[in-house]
Amino acid sequence: MTSLPELQIFSLENNVKLAYRSLPTKPNPELPTIVFFHPLLTDSSFFHRQFIDPKLGGEAGRKWNLIAIDLHGHGDTTGRDTFTFSDTSRDSLALLDHFKISEVIAFGVSQGVLASLNLAILRPELVKGVVIVGSSILPQTPENLANLQRLTAGFPYDKQSTKAALFINWGAEYEHVLEYGDGPEGMSRTDWEQVWIDRYGGSKAKEERFHKALDLVLKLEDLEGDLHKIRARILMLHGSSDILLTVEAHAIPTKAIIEKAGLFDDLVVIEGGSHFLSWGKWQEVDTRLVAFEEKIFGA
C-alpha cells in the first residue's frame, strides 16, 4: 500500500453519514480489525502513515483490517446536530456490524481515545484491546480548559490567523506539538493549515461546527466509572516531550486508574515524541502496535 485509501461514506438508518477509510476497501469479516480514531481538528487521513507502513498496511488483507473513522464534527461525517464521543462509537459499531467484524483493537490518539474507550464500554465482547496514544482519562484541569478555549482566538480563520489561533495560542509551539514533517509519508503542516481554513473558516456555519467539535473536549465524558465494563487489555503510548499532556501529570495518573480497573497492559514512553505521537514517531508507534496486535490476536 503506497497511498491513503479513498474516503468512503456509510449511511446509517439514523441519517448519519459516517466517513471512513478502510484497507482493504471492503473489510474481511474473517480477520481481526484495528479501528483508528483521530485527534481534535484532524480526520481519518491523520493515519496516512499507518496505512502506508508495510508493517501495518502491507499486511492488511492478510492478517488484519485497518479502518479509520472521521469523528462527529470532523472530516466528512455528518448527520448529528449535537454529538458526543459515545455517538461516534455507536455509529462506528453500526459500520463494524455491517461488515460483520467480530474482533477489534481500538486505537485512539489524543481525543480519539475517548471514542476508543467508549467502543470498548459499549461492546466489550467485540473490543479485545485498546491503545491509548498521547492522552488521558483524567478530568480537564482549568489550565487545559483555558488552553483549549484559546483555539477560538483567531476566528475567522484565514492564512494569517490559523497557525496562531490553533497552536501558538494553545500554549505550545506549533512544530513541537504536531511534529509534522513534509515529505511523501503524508500531509505536511501547510496542508493541514489549509484543511483547517477550509473546514472551519469563512462562514458562521463552519465556525459553529468548530465549536461543537471543541465542546467534545471541553466537556469530557467521565469514563472512569464505566471502565469495569471493559474486557480489553489497554496499552498506553506516550511521548516523553508531550507538553500538552505530560507523562508525569497525565500518563502516570491514567496508568494508575487503568491498573486499578485490572485492564493495564503496558505504558511505553517514546523518547522525543510529542503530542500527536503516531504521526511524528510513527515507526516506533507502529512497531508497538504490531506487537500488541500479535499479542492480542496471535502471530
C-alpha atoms as a PDB file:
ATOM      1  CA  MET A   1       0.000   0.000   0.000  1.00  0.00           C
ATOM      2  CA  THR A   2       1.590   3.277  -1.117  1.00  0.00           C
ATOM      3  CA  SER A   3      -1.290   5.735  -0.807  1.00  0.00           C
ATOM      4  CA  LEU A   4      -4.070   6.675   1.552  1.00  0.00           C
ATOM      5  CA  PRO A   5      -7.270   4.642   0.984  1.00  0.00           C
ATOM      6  CA  GLU A   6     -10.108   6.596  -0.548  1.00  0.00           C
ATOM      7  CA  LEU A   7     -12.722   8.105   1.735  1.00  0.00           C
ATOM      8  CA  GLN A   8     -15.968   6.102   1.883  1.00  0.00           C
ATOM      9  CA  ILE A   9     -19.367   7.029   3.305  1.00  0.00           C
ATOM     10  CA  PHE A  10     -21.581   4.620   5.254  1.00  0.00           C
ATOM     11  CA  SER A  11     -25.245   5.652   5.553  1.00  0.00           C
ATOM     12  CA  LEU A  12     -26.959   4.701   8.812  1.00  0.00           C
ATOM     13  CA  GLU A  13     -30.693   4.429   9.491  1.00  0.00           C
ATOM     14  CA  ASN A  14     -30.459   7.455  11.815  1.00  0.00           C
ATOM     15  CA  ASN A  15     -29.472   9.657   8.830  1.00  0.00           C
ATOM     16  CA  VAL A  16     -25.822   9.764   9.873  1.00  0.00           C
ATOM     17  CA  LYS A  17     -23.297   9.652   7.048  1.00  0.00           C
ATOM     18  CA  LEU A  18     -20.208   8.106   8.643  1.00  0.00           C
ATOM     19  CA  ALA A  19     -16.981   8.831   6.757  1.00  0.00           C
ATOM     20  CA  TYR A  20     -14.211   6.238   6.948  1.00  0.00           C
ATOM     21  CA  ARG A  21     -11.183   4.775   5.195  1.00  0.00           C
ATOM     22  CA  SER A  22     -10.547   1.061   5.012  1.00  0.00           C
ATOM     23  CA  LEU A  23      -7.805  -1.310   3.966  1.00  0.00           C
ATOM     24  CA  PRO A  24      -8.815  -3.489   2.271  1.00  0.00           C
ATOM     25  CA  THR A  25     -11.606  -1.398   0.758  1.00  0.00           C
ATOM     26  CA  LYS A  26     -14.141  -3.959   1.940  1.00  0.00           C
ATOM     27  CA  PRO A  27     -13.016  -5.379   5.293  1.00  0.00           C
ATOM     28  CA  ASN A  28     -12.688  -9.141   5.557  1.00  0.00           C
ATOM     29  CA  PRO A  29     -15.044 -10.367   8.328  1.00  0.00           C
ATOM     30  CA  GLU A  30     -12.807 -13.361   8.987  1.00  0.00           C
ATOM     31  CA  LEU A  31      -9.921 -11.113  10.059  1.00  0.00           C
ATOM     32  CA  PRO A  32      -9.444  -9.035  13.221  1.00  0.00           C
ATOM     33  CA  THR A  33      -9.640  -5.276  12.760  1.00  0.00           C
ATOM     34  CA  ILE A  34      -7.805  -2.198  14.018  1.00  0.00           C
ATOM     35  CA  VAL A  35     -10.100   0.833  14.271  1.00  0.00           C
ATOM     36  CA  PHE A  36      -8.391   4.246  14.386  1.00  0.00           C
ATOM     37  CA  PHE A  37      -9.869   7.386  15.991  1.00  0.00           C
ATOM     38  CA  HIS A  38      -8.073  10.668  15.257  1.00  0.00           C
ATOM     39  CA  PRO A  39      -7.186  13.779  17.341  1.00  0.00           C
ATOM     40  CA  LEU A  40      -9.023  17.095  17.583  1.00  0.00           C
ATOM     41  CA  LEU A  41      -9.419  19.068  14.315  1.00  0.00           C
ATOM     42  CA  THR A  42      -7.996  16.308  12.127  1.00  0.00           C
ATOM     43  CA  ASP A  43      -9.733  13.420  10.341  1.00  0.00           C
ATOM     44  CA  SER A  44      -9.158   9.852   9.190  1.00  0.00           C
ATOM     45  CA  SER A  45      -6.342  10.962   6.860  1.00  0.00           C
ATOM     46  CA  PHE A  46      -4.301  11.587  10.029  1.00  0.00           C
ATOM     47  CA  PHE A  47      -3.493   7.857   9.875  1.00  0.00           C
ATOM     48  CA  HIS A  48      -1.925   8.076   6.412  1.00  0.00           C
ATOM     49  CA  ARG A  49       1.382   6.811   7.771  1.00  0.00           C
ATOM     50  CA  GLN A  50      -0.220   3.779   9.394  1.00  0.00           C
ATOM     51  CA  PHE A  51      -1.978   2.844   6.145  1.00  0.00           C
ATOM     52  CA  ILE A  52       1.207   3.020   4.064  1.00  0.00           C
ATOM     53  CA  ASP A  53       3.581   1.473   6.597  1.00  0.00           C
ATOM     54  CA  PRO A  54       4.424  -2.038   5.295  1.00  0.00           C
ATOM     55  CA  LYS A  55       4.303  -3.331   8.876  1.00  0.00           C
ATOM     56  CA  LEU A  56       0.598  -2.419   9.005  1.00  0.00           C
ATOM     57  CA  GLY A  57      -0.838  -1.532   5.597  1.00  0.00           C
ATOM     58  CA  GLY A  58       1.343  -4.038   3.833  1.00  0.00           C
ATOM     59  CA  GLU A  59      -0.152  -6.830   5.908  1.00  0.00           C
ATOM     60  CA  ALA A  60      -3.763  -5.636   5.640  1.00  0.00           C
ATOM     61  CA  GLY A  61      -5.992  -8.134   3.890  1.00  0.00           C
ATOM     62  CA  ARG A  62      -3.796 -10.981   5.111  1.00  0.00           C
ATOM     63  CA  LYS A  63      -3.580 -10.501   8.863  1.00  0.00           C
ATOM     64  CA  TRP A  64      -5.992  -7.691   9.809  1.00  0.00           C
ATOM     65  CA  ASN A  65      -8.271  -4.952   8.520  1.00  0.00           C
ATOM     66  CA  LEU A  66      -7.468  -1.276   9.083  1.00  0.00           C
ATOM     67  CA  ILE A  67     -10.386   1.172   9.435  1.00  0.00           C
ATOM     68  CA  ALA A  68     -10.078   4.878  10.297  1.00  0.00           C
ATOM     69  CA  ILE A  69     -13.200   6.869  11.234  1.00  0.00           C
ATOM     70  CA  ASP A  70     -13.993  10.592  10.887  1.00  0.00           C
ATOM     71  CA  LEU A  71     -15.362  11.580  14.304  1.00  0.00           C
ATOM     72  CA  HIS A  72     -18.522  13.666  14.504  1.00  0.00           C
ATOM     73  CA  GLY A  73     -17.699  17.342  13.996  1.00  0.00           C
ATOM     74  CA  HIS A  74     -14.697  16.382  11.897  1.00  0.00           C
ATOM     75  CA  GLY A  75     -13.942  15.416   8.328  1.00  0.00           C
ATOM     76  CA  ASP A  76     -16.885  14.272   6.214  1.00  0.00           C
ATOM     77  CA  THR A  77     -19.019  12.619   8.888  1.00  0.00           C
ATOM     78  CA  THR A  78     -22.410  14.342   9.129  1.00  0.00           C
ATOM     79  CA  GLY A  79     -25.948  13.800  10.404  1.00  0.00           C
ATOM     80  CA  ARG A  80     -25.906  14.712  14.105  1.00  0.00           C
ATOM     81  CA  ASP A  81     -26.576  18.278  15.174  1.00  0.00           C
ATOM     82  CA  THR A  82     -25.276  17.521  18.668  1.00  0.00           C
ATOM     83  CA  PHE A  83     -22.936  14.678  19.457  1.00  0.00           C
ATOM     84  CA  THR A  84     -20.608  13.040  21.953  1.00  0.00           C
ATOM     85  CA  PHE A  85     -17.732  10.602  21.705  1.00  0.00           C
ATOM     86  CA  SER A  86     -20.266   7.887  22.557  1.00  0.00           C
ATOM     87  CA  ASP A  87     -22.250   8.837  19.446  1.00  0.00           C
ATOM     88  CA  THR A  88     -19.189   8.356  17.266  1.00  0.00           C
ATOM     89  CA  SER A  89     -18.592   4.982  18.932  1.00  0.00           C
ATOM     90  CA  ARG A  90     -22.201   3.854  18.445  1.00  0.00           C
ATOM     91  CA  ASP A  91     -22.192   4.852  14.781  1.00  0.00           C
ATOM     92  CA  SER A  92     -18.834   3.124  14.324  1.00  0.00           C
ATOM     93  CA  LEU A  93     -20.337  -0.048  15.789  1.00  0.00           C
ATOM     94  CA  ALA A  94     -23.039   0.088  13.119  1.00  0.00           C
ATOM     95  CA  LEU A  95     -20.302   0.152  10.477  1.00  0.00           C
ATOM     96  CA  LEU A  96     -18.448  -2.754  12.080  1.00  0.00           C
ATOM     97  CA  ASP A  97     -21.685  -4.748  12.370  1.00  0.00           C
ATOM     98  CA  HIS A  98     -22.406  -4.075   8.701  1.00  0.00           C
ATOM     99  CA  PHE A  99     -19.112  -5.733   7.786  1.00  0.00           C
ATOM    100  CA  LYS A 100     -19.667  -8.499  10.381  1.00  0.00           C
ATOM    101  CA  ILE A 101     -16.438  -7.648  12.206  1.00  0.00           C
ATOM    102  CA  SER A 102     -16.071  -9.751  15.366  1.00  0.00           C
ATOM    103  CA  GLU A 103     -12.677  -8.758  16.871  1.00  0.00           C
ATOM    104  CA  VAL A 104     -11.263  -5.264  17.232  1.00  0.00           C
ATOM    105  CA  ILE A 105      -8.371  -3.294  18.658  1.00  0.00           C
ATOM    106  CA  ALA A 106      -9.460   0.324  19.173  1.00  0.00           C
ATOM    107  CA  PHE A 107      -6.601   2.783  18.631  1.00  0.00           C
ATOM    108  CA  GLY A 108      -7.112   6.406  19.685  1.00  0.00           C
ATOM    109  CA  VAL A 109      -4.828   9.439  19.560  1.00  0.00           C
ATOM    110  CA  SER A 110      -5.464  12.362  21.938  1.00  0.00           C
ATOM    111  CA  GLN A 111      -9.250  12.944  21.933  1.00  0.00           C
ATOM    112  CA  GLY A 112      -9.701   9.805  19.821  1.00  0.00           C
ATOM    113  CA  VAL A 113      -9.003   7.756  22.945  1.00  0.00           C
ATOM    114  CA  LEU A 114     -12.447   8.720  24.272  1.00  0.00           C
ATOM    115  CA  ALA A 115     -14.107   7.156  21.221  1.00  0.00           C
ATOM    116  CA  SER A 116     -11.881   4.077  21.571  1.00  0.00           C
ATOM    117  CA  LEU A 117     -12.751   3.546  25.226  1.00  0.00           C
ATOM    118  CA  ASN A 118     -16.440   4.142  24.570  1.00  0.00           C
ATOM    119  CA  LEU A 119     -16.310   1.478  21.868  1.00  0.00           C
ATOM    120  CA  ALA A 120     -14.915  -0.960  24.449  1.00  0.00           C
ATOM    121  CA  ILE A 121     -17.531   0.068  27.025  1.00  0.00           C
ATOM    122  CA  LEU A 122     -20.460  -0.242  24.621  1.00  0.00           C
ATOM    123  CA  ARG A 123     -19.364  -3.579  23.107  1.00  0.00           C
ATOM    124  CA  PRO A 124     -16.919  -5.305  25.482  1.00  0.00           C
ATOM    125  CA  GLU A 125     -17.128  -8.661  23.700  1.00  0.00           C
ATOM    126  CA  LEU A 126     -16.001  -7.034  20.435  1.00  0.00           C
ATOM    127  CA  VAL A 127     -13.036  -4.960  21.620  1.00  0.00           C
ATOM    128  CA  LYS A 128     -10.093  -7.153  22.615  1.00  0.00           C
ATOM    129  CA  GLY A 129      -7.540  -4.374  23.036  1.00  0.00           C
ATOM    130  CA  VAL A 130      -7.341  -0.594  23.350  1.00  0.00           C
ATOM    131  CA  VAL A 131      -4.322   1.575  22.503  1.00  0.00           C
ATOM    132  CA  ILE A 132      -4.196   4.975  24.220  1.00  0.00           C
ATOM    133  CA  VAL A 133      -1.816   7.337  22.416  1.00  0.00           C
ATOM    134  CA  GLY A 134      -0.852  10.695  23.922  1.00  0.00           C
ATOM    135  CA  SER A 135      -3.981  11.014  26.009  1.00  0.00           C
ATOM    136  CA  SER A 136      -5.518  10.880  29.462  1.00  0.00           C
ATOM    137  CA  ILE A 137      -8.803   9.918  31.098  1.00  0.00           C
ATOM    138  CA  LEU A 138      -8.393  12.480  33.874  1.00  0.00           C
ATOM    139  CA  PRO A 139     -10.872  15.364  34.210  1.00  0.00           C
ATOM    140  CA  GLN A 140      -9.879  18.539  32.371  1.00  0.00           C
ATOM    141  CA  THR A 141      -7.800  20.897  34.502  1.00  0.00           C
ATOM    142  CA  PRO A 142      -8.518  24.653  34.483  1.00  0.00           C
ATOM    143  CA  GLU A 143      -5.223  25.126  32.603  1.00  0.00           C
ATOM    144  CA  ASN A 144      -6.213  22.630  29.902  1.00  0.00           C
ATOM    145  CA  LEU A 145      -9.632  24.256  29.532  1.00  0.00           C
ATOM    146  CA  ALA A 146      -8.083  27.702  29.185  1.00  0.00           C
ATOM    147  CA  ASN A 147      -5.646  26.473  26.545  1.00  0.00           C
ATOM    148  CA  LEU A 148      -8.428  24.806  24.549  1.00  0.00           C
ATOM    149  CA  GLN A 149     -10.609  27.905  24.703  1.00  0.00           C
ATOM    150  CA  ARG A 150      -7.746  29.929  23.213  1.00  0.00           C
ATOM    151  CA  LEU A 151      -8.301  27.996  19.989  1.00  0.00           C
ATOM    152  CA  THR A 152     -11.132  30.430  19.203  1.00  0.00           C
ATOM    153  CA  ALA A 153      -8.793  33.432  19.332  1.00  0.00           C
ATOM    154  CA  GLY A 154      -8.201  33.602  15.594  1.00  0.00           C
ATOM    155  CA  PHE A 155     -11.725  33.499  14.149  1.00  0.00           C
ATOM    156  CA  PRO A 156     -12.425  33.890  11.329  1.00  0.00           C
ATOM    157  CA  TYR A 157      -9.662  31.539  10.269  1.00  0.00           C
ATOM    158  CA  ASP A 158      -7.540  32.623   7.335  1.00  0.00           C
ATOM    159  CA  LYS A 159      -3.948  32.154   6.198  1.00  0.00           C
ATOM    160  CA  GLN A 160      -2.656  34.725   8.660  1.00  0.00           C
ATOM    161  CA  SER A 161      -4.588  33.685  11.739  1.00  0.00           C
ATOM    162  CA  THR A 162      -4.892  29.912  11.505  1.00  0.00           C
ATOM    163  CA  LYS A 163      -1.449  28.905  12.712  1.00  0.00           C
ATOM    164  CA  ALA A 164      -1.516  31.296  15.662  1.00  0.00           C
ATOM    165  CA  ALA A 165      -5.112  30.571  16.617  1.00  0.00           C
ATOM    166  CA  LEU A 166      -4.797  26.812  16.505  1.00  0.00           C
ATOM    167  CA  PHE A 167      -1.474  26.129  18.117  1.00  0.00           C
ATOM    168  CA  ILE A 168       0.604  29.107  19.213  1.00  0.00           C
ATOM    169  CA  ASN A 169      -2.321  30.354  21.288  1.00  0.00           C
ATOM    170  CA  TRP A 170      -2.907  26.811  22.517  1.00  0.00           C
ATOM    171  CA  GLY A 171       0.068  27.326  24.752  1.00  0.00           C
ATOM    172  CA  ALA A 172       2.593  25.245  22.863  1.00  0.00           C
ATOM    173  CA  GLU A 173       4.941  25.644  19.945  1.00  0.00           C
ATOM    174  CA  TYR A 174       3.265  24.558  16.730  1.00  0.00           C
ATOM    175  CA  GLU A 175       6.083  22.432  15.371  1.00  0.00           C
ATOM    176  CA  HIS A 176       6.623  20.712  18.700  1.00  0.00           C
ATOM    177  CA  VAL A 177       3.000  19.781  19.235  1.00  0.00           C
ATOM    178  CA  LEU A 178       2.345  18.418  15.774  1.00  0.00           C
ATOM    179  CA  GLU A 179       5.782  17.218  14.756  1.00  0.00           C
ATOM    180  CA  TYR A 180       4.563  17.067  11.184  1.00  0.00           C
ATOM    181  CA  GLY A 181       7.185  16.662   8.517  1.00  0.00           C
ATOM    182  CA  ASP A 182       6.969  17.455   4.840  1.00  0.00           C
ATOM    183  CA  GLY A 183       7.503  14.532   2.520  1.00  0.00           C
ATOM    184  CA  PRO A 184       5.863  11.553   0.824  1.00  0.00           C
ATOM    185  CA  GLU A 185       4.595   9.958   4.023  1.00  0.00           C
ATOM    186  CA  GLY A 186       1.510  12.147   4.309  1.00  0.00           C
ATOM    187  CA  MET A 187       0.141  15.646   4.634  1.00  0.00           C
ATOM    188  CA  SER A 188       2.509  18.456   5.537  1.00  0.00           C
ATOM    189  CA  ARG A 189       1.995  21.194   8.092  1.00  0.00           C
ATOM    190  CA  THR A 190       0.840  23.610   5.395  1.00  0.00           C
ATOM    191  CA  ASP A 191      -1.601  21.024   4.058  1.00  0.00           C
ATOM    192  CA  TRP A 192      -3.240  20.765   7.475  1.00  0.00           C
ATOM    193  CA  GLU A 193      -3.365  24.535   7.830  1.00  0.00           C
ATOM    194  CA  GLN A 194      -5.331  24.720   4.584  1.00  0.00           C
ATOM    195  CA  VAL A 195      -7.685  21.963   5.759  1.00  0.00           C
ATOM    196  CA  TRP A 196      -8.459  23.958   8.914  1.00  0.00           C
ATOM    197  CA  ILE A 197      -9.031  27.139   6.897  1.00  0.00           C
ATOM    198  CA  ASP A 198     -11.401  25.348   4.502  1.00  0.00           C
ATOM    199  CA  ARG A 199     -13.212  23.319   7.147  1.00  0.00           C
ATOM    200  CA  TYR A 200     -13.683  25.821   9.959  1.00  0.00           C
ATOM    201  CA  GLY A 201     -13.298  29.285   8.435  1.00  0.00           C
ATOM    202  CA  GLY A 202     -15.245  31.557   6.153  1.00  0.00           C
ATOM    203  CA  SER A 203     -18.785  31.193   7.473  1.00  0.00           C
ATOM    204  CA  LYS A 204     -20.789  31.130  10.687  1.00  0.00           C
ATOM    205  CA  ALA A 205     -21.905  27.560   9.998  1.00  0.00           C
ATOM    206  CA  LYS A 206     -18.291  26.388   9.761  1.00  0.00           C
ATOM    207  CA  GLU A 207     -17.370  28.236  12.941  1.00  0.00           C
ATOM    208  CA  GLU A 208     -20.338  26.648  14.730  1.00  0.00           C
ATOM    209  CA  ARG A 209     -19.096  23.240  13.602  1.00  0.00           C
ATOM    210  CA  PHE A 210     -15.717  24.059  15.078  1.00  0.00           C
ATOM    211  CA  HIS A 211     -17.280  24.995  18.430  1.00  0.00           C
ATOM    212  CA  LYS A 212     -19.232  21.743  18.516  1.00  0.00           C
ATOM    213  CA  ALA A 213     -16.039  19.791  17.840  1.00  0.00           C
ATOM    214  CA  LEU A 214     -14.231  21.743  20.539  1.00  0.00           C
ATOM    215  CA  ASP A 215     -17.059  21.107  23.014  1.00  0.00           C
ATOM    216  CA  LEU A 216     -16.224  17.403  22.820  1.00  0.00           C
ATOM    217  CA  VAL A 217     -13.001  18.031  24.715  1.00  0.00           C
ATOM    218  CA  LEU A 218     -14.228  20.955  26.812  1.00  0.00           C
ATOM    219  CA  LYS A 219     -16.974  18.753  28.255  1.00  0.00           C
ATOM    220  CA  LEU A 220     -15.259  15.402  28.520  1.00  0.00           C
ATOM    221  CA  GLU A 221     -17.320  12.358  29.364  1.00  0.00           C
ATOM    222  CA  ASP A 222     -16.295  10.795  32.687  1.00  0.00           C
ATOM    223  CA  LEU A 223     -15.354   7.237  31.785  1.00  0.00           C
ATOM    224  CA  GLU A 224     -13.627   6.090  34.964  1.00  0.00           C
ATOM    225  CA  GLY A 225     -16.844   4.741  36.446  1.00  0.00           C
ATOM    226  CA  ASP A 226     -17.504   2.641  33.339  1.00  0.00           C
ATOM    227  CA  LEU A 227     -14.072   1.044  32.984  1.00  0.00           C
ATOM    228  CA  HIS A 228     -15.320  -2.061  34.804  1.00  0.00           C
ATOM    229  CA  LYS A 229     -17.424  -2.861  31.710  1.00  0.00           C
ATOM    230  CA  ILE A 230     -14.311  -3.216  29.540  1.00  0.00           C
ATOM    231  CA  ARG A 231     -12.761  -6.640  28.940  1.00  0.00           C
ATOM    232  CA  ALA A 232      -9.868  -5.437  26.801  1.00  0.00           C
ATOM    233  CA  ARG A 233      -6.212  -5.015  27.673  1.00  0.00           C
ATOM    234  CA  ILE A 234      -5.065  -1.387  27.444  1.00  0.00           C
ATOM    235  CA  LEU A 235      -1.677  -0.368  26.026  1.00  0.00           C
ATOM    236  CA  MET A 236      -0.536   3.212  26.642  1.00  0.00           C
ATOM    237  CA  LEU A 237       1.923   5.012  24.335  1.00  0.00           C
ATOM    238  CA  HIS A 238       3.106   8.490  25.325  1.00  0.00           C
ATOM    239  CA  GLY A 239       5.741  10.903  24.072  1.00  0.00           C
ATOM    240  CA  SER A 240       8.425  11.996  26.506  1.00  0.00           C
ATOM    241  CA  SER A 241       8.226  15.518  25.067  1.00  0.00           C
ATOM    242  CA  ASP A 242       4.428  15.878  25.105  1.00  0.00           C
ATOM    243  CA  ILE A 243       3.946  19.312  26.657  1.00  0.00           C
ATOM    244  CA  LEU A 244       0.147  19.371  26.393  1.00  0.00           C
ATOM    245  CA  LEU A 245      -0.413  16.166  28.348  1.00  0.00           C
ATOM    246  CA  THR A 246       2.803  15.340  30.149  1.00  0.00           C
ATOM    247  CA  VAL A 247       3.923  11.899  31.226  1.00  0.00           C
ATOM    248  CA  GLU A 248       4.081  12.912  34.886  1.00  0.00           C
ATOM    249  CA  ALA A 249       0.785  14.783  35.161  1.00  0.00           C
ATOM    250  CA  HIS A 250      -1.346  12.729  32.771  1.00  0.00           C
ATOM    251  CA  ALA A 251       0.083   9.391  31.625  1.00  0.00           C
ATOM    252  CA  ILE A 252       1.176   8.111  35.038  1.00  0.00           C
ATOM    253  CA  PRO A 253      -2.108   9.007  36.838  1.00  0.00           C
ATOM    254  CA  THR A 254      -4.088   7.482  33.955  1.00  0.00           C
ATOM    255  CA  LYS A 255      -1.979   4.336  34.252  1.00  0.00           C
ATOM    256  CA  ALA A 256      -2.913   4.107  37.948  1.00  0.00           C
ATOM    257  CA  ILE A 257      -6.629   4.281  37.110  1.00  0.00           C
ATOM    258  CA  ILE A 258      -6.322   1.608  34.442  1.00  0.00           C
ATOM    259  CA  GLU A 259      -4.271  -0.627  36.757  1.00  0.00           C
ATOM    260  CA  LYS A 260      -6.944  -0.269  39.447  1.00  0.00           C
ATOM    261  CA  ALA A 261      -9.533  -1.438  36.923  1.00  0.00           C
ATOM    262  CA  GLY A 262      -7.390  -4.503  36.135  1.00  0.00           C
ATOM    263  CA  LEU A 263      -7.028  -3.604  32.454  1.00  0.00           C
ATOM    264  CA  PHE A 264      -3.431  -2.384  32.222  1.00  0.00           C
ATOM    265  CA  ASP A 265      -1.053  -3.971  29.714  1.00  0.00           C
ATOM    266  CA  ASP A 266       1.894  -1.552  29.497  1.00  0.00           C
ATOM    267  CA  LEU A 267       2.955   2.103  29.392  1.00  0.00           C
ATOM    268  CA  VAL A 268       5.614   2.819  26.779  1.00  0.00           C
ATOM    269  CA  VAL A 269       7.197   6.279  26.838  1.00  0.00           C
ATOM    270  CA  ILE A 270       8.699   7.056  23.429  1.00  0.00           C
ATOM    271  CA  GLU A 271      11.744   9.289  23.661  1.00  0.00           C
ATOM    272  CA  GLY A 272      11.362  12.639  21.912  1.00  0.00           C
ATOM    273  CA  GLY A 273       7.732  12.037  21.000  1.00  0.00           C
ATOM    274  CA  SER A 274       5.315  14.969  21.133  1.00  0.00           C
ATOM    275  CA  HIS A 275       1.552  15.119  21.454  1.00  0.00           C
ATOM    276  CA  PHE A 276       0.480  13.711  18.096  1.00  0.00           C
ATOM    277  CA  LEU A 277       2.777  10.779  18.679  1.00  0.00           C
ATOM    278  CA  SER A 278       1.608   8.406  15.961  1.00  0.00           C
ATOM    279  CA  TRP A 279       2.424  10.988  13.289  1.00  0.00           C
ATOM    280  CA  GLY A 280       5.819  12.218  14.430  1.00  0.00           C
ATOM    281  CA  LYS A 281       7.096   8.882  15.776  1.00  0.00           C
ATOM    282  CA  TRP A 282       5.106   6.614  13.513  1.00  0.00           C
ATOM    283  CA  GLN A 283       7.811   3.953  13.143  1.00  0.00           C
ATOM    284  CA  GLU A 284       8.067   3.426  16.896  1.00  0.00           C
ATOM    285  CA  VAL A 285       4.302   3.566  17.399  1.00  0.00           C
ATOM    286  CA  ASP A 286       3.588   1.158  14.541  1.00  0.00           C
ATOM    287  CA  THR A 287       6.155  -1.321  15.854  1.00  0.00           C
ATOM    288  CA  ARG A 288       4.477  -1.297  19.257  1.00  0.00           C
ATOM    289  CA  LEU A 289       1.039  -1.614  17.660  1.00  0.00           C
ATOM    290  CA  VAL A 290       2.068  -4.632  15.580  1.00  0.00           C
ATOM    291  CA  ALA A 291       3.493  -6.338  18.681  1.00  0.00           C
ATOM    292  CA  PHE A 292       0.276  -5.602  20.608  1.00  0.00           C
ATOM    293  CA  GLU A 293      -1.853  -6.898  17.708  1.00  0.00           C
ATOM    294  CA  GLU A 294       0.094 -10.114  17.578  1.00  0.00           C
ATOM    295  CA  LYS A 295      -0.164 -10.467  21.342  1.00  0.00           C
ATOM    296  CA  ILE A 296      -3.950  -9.969  21.271  1.00  0.00           C
ATOM    297  CA  PHE A 297      -4.826 -11.746  18.024  1.00  0.00           C
ATOM    298  CA  GLY A 298      -1.918 -14.167  17.754  1.00  0.00           C
ATOM    299  CA  ALA A 299       1.005 -14.017  15.341  1.00  0.00           C
END
